[in-house]
C-alpha atoms as a PDB file:
ATOM      1  CA  MET A   1      10.536  10.890  -8.282  1.00  0.00           C
ATOM      2  CA  THR A   2       8.659   7.664  -7.632  1.00  0.00           C
ATOM      3  CA  PRO A   3       8.508   6.325  -4.014  1.00  0.00           C
ATOM      4  CA  ASP A   4      10.183   3.428  -2.851  1.00  0.00           C
ATOM      5  CA  TYR A   5       6.687   1.399  -2.363  1.00  0.00           C
ATOM      6  CA  THR A   6       8.500  -1.587  -0.848  1.00  0.00           C
ATOM      7  CA  LYS A   7       9.732   0.103   1.905  1.00  0.00           C
ATOM      8  CA  LEU A   8       6.356   2.032   2.295  1.00  0.00           C
ATOM      9  CA  LEU A   9       4.632  -1.339   2.575  1.00  0.00           C
ATOM     10  CA  ASP A  10       7.055  -2.437   4.987  1.00  0.00           C
ATOM     11  CA  GLN A  11       6.556   0.556   7.042  1.00  0.00           C
ATOM     12  CA  LEU A  12       2.747   0.437   6.748  1.00  0.00           C
ATOM     13  CA  ARG A  13       3.078  -3.657   8.097  1.00  0.00           C
ATOM     14  CA  ALA A  14       5.007  -2.302  11.007  1.00  0.00           C
ATOM     15  CA  GLY A  15       2.577   0.275  11.884  1.00  0.00           C
ATOM     16  CA  GLU A  16       4.885   2.846  11.335  1.00  0.00           C
ATOM     17  CA  LEU A  17       2.519   4.481   8.655  1.00  0.00           C
ATOM     18  CA  ASP A  18      -1.343   4.625   8.865  1.00  0.00           C
ATOM     19  CA  HIS A  19      -1.957   4.779   5.255  1.00  0.00           C
ATOM     20  CA  ILE A  20      -0.330   4.938   1.854  1.00  0.00           C
ATOM     21  CA  GLU A  21      -2.059   7.310  -0.697  1.00  0.00           C
ATOM     22  CA  VAL A  22      -1.405   6.120  -4.368  1.00  0.00           C
ATOM     23  CA  THR A  23      -1.980   8.611  -7.289  1.00  0.00           C
ATOM     24  CA  PRO A  24      -2.764   7.436 -10.916  1.00  0.00           C
ATOM     25  CA  ASP A  25       0.895   8.400 -11.716  1.00  0.00           C
ATOM     26  CA  THR A  26       2.398   6.222  -9.456  1.00  0.00           C
ATOM     27  CA  PHE A  27      -0.255   3.214  -9.383  1.00  0.00           C
ATOM     28  CA  ASN A  28       2.087   1.071 -11.825  1.00  0.00           C
ATOM     29  CA  ALA A  29       4.937   1.376  -9.460  1.00  0.00           C
ATOM     30  CA  PHE A  30       2.754   0.736  -6.278  1.00  0.00           C
ATOM     31  CA  ARG A  31       1.263  -2.183  -8.159  1.00  0.00           C
ATOM     32  CA  ALA A  32       4.710  -3.561  -9.255  1.00  0.00           C
ATOM     33  CA  ALA A  33       5.850  -3.522  -5.310  1.00  0.00           C
ATOM     34  CA  TRP A  34       2.410  -4.727  -4.184  1.00  0.00           C
ATOM     35  CA  THR A  35       2.189  -7.763  -6.295  1.00  0.00           C
ATOM     36  CA  ASN A  36       5.583  -9.270  -4.986  1.00  0.00           C
ATOM     37  CA  TYR A  37       4.859  -8.320  -1.501  1.00  0.00           C
ATOM     38  CA  PRO A  38       4.606 -11.190   0.782  1.00  0.00           C
ATOM     39  CA  ARG A  39       1.472 -10.403   2.456  1.00  0.00           C
ATOM     40  CA  ARG A  40      -0.441  -8.237  -0.115  1.00  0.00           C
ATOM     41  CA  GLU A  41      -3.831  -9.783   0.669  1.00  0.00           C
ATOM     42  CA  GLN A  42      -3.571  -7.948   4.223  1.00  0.00           C
ATOM     43  CA  ILE A  43      -3.000  -4.686   2.182  1.00  0.00           C
ATOM     44  CA  VAL A  44      -6.464  -2.998   1.683  1.00  0.00           C
ATOM     45  CA  GLY A  45      -7.249   0.243  -0.866  1.00  0.00           C
ATOM     46  CA  THR A  46     -10.257   2.466  -0.413  1.00  0.00           C
ATOM     47  CA  ALA A  47     -10.780   4.654  -3.590  1.00  0.00           C
ATOM     48  CA  LYS A  48     -10.815   8.300  -2.949  1.00  0.00           C
ATOM     49  CA  ARG A  49     -11.634  11.279  -5.219  1.00  0.00           C
ATOM     50  CA  ASN A  50      -9.848  11.867  -8.575  1.00  0.00           C
ATOM     51  CA  GLY A  51      -8.214   8.351  -8.954  1.00  0.00           C
ATOM     52  CA  VAL A  52      -6.606   8.370  -5.477  1.00  0.00           C
ATOM     53  CA  ILE A  53      -6.547   5.250  -3.560  1.00  0.00           C
ATOM     54  CA  GLU A  54      -5.816   4.736   0.020  1.00  0.00           C
ATOM     55  CA  TYR A  55      -3.977   1.960   1.195  1.00  0.00           C
ATOM     56  CA  HIS A  56      -4.085   0.311   4.940  1.00  0.00           C
ATOM     57  CA  TYR A  57      -2.876  -2.723   6.521  1.00  0.00           C
ATOM     58  CA  GLN A  58      -5.423  -4.930   7.747  1.00  0.00           C
ATOM     59  CA  SER A  59      -4.134  -7.548   9.987  1.00  0.00           C
ATOM     60  CA  VAL A  60      -5.392 -11.084  10.350  1.00  0.00           C
ATOM     61  CA  GLN A  61      -6.544 -12.572  13.546  1.00  0.00           C
ATOM     62  CA  GLY A  62      -3.874 -15.231  14.785  1.00  0.00           C
ATOM     63  CA  ASN A  63      -0.761 -13.060  13.197  1.00  0.00           C
END
């Protein structure tokens, strides 16, 4: 089952989660949620091994 990435992005932004791990199998679902997310420029990804990407929230000063 594919995670609800919009909800996870909200939790990430609220500080309830430290990061979100996205696998190659779920990347398209994540990308669909991320593309429509209002503050997507603050969601930053770091490539890990085996195609996994770890996303975290990077606040912009003044917000």
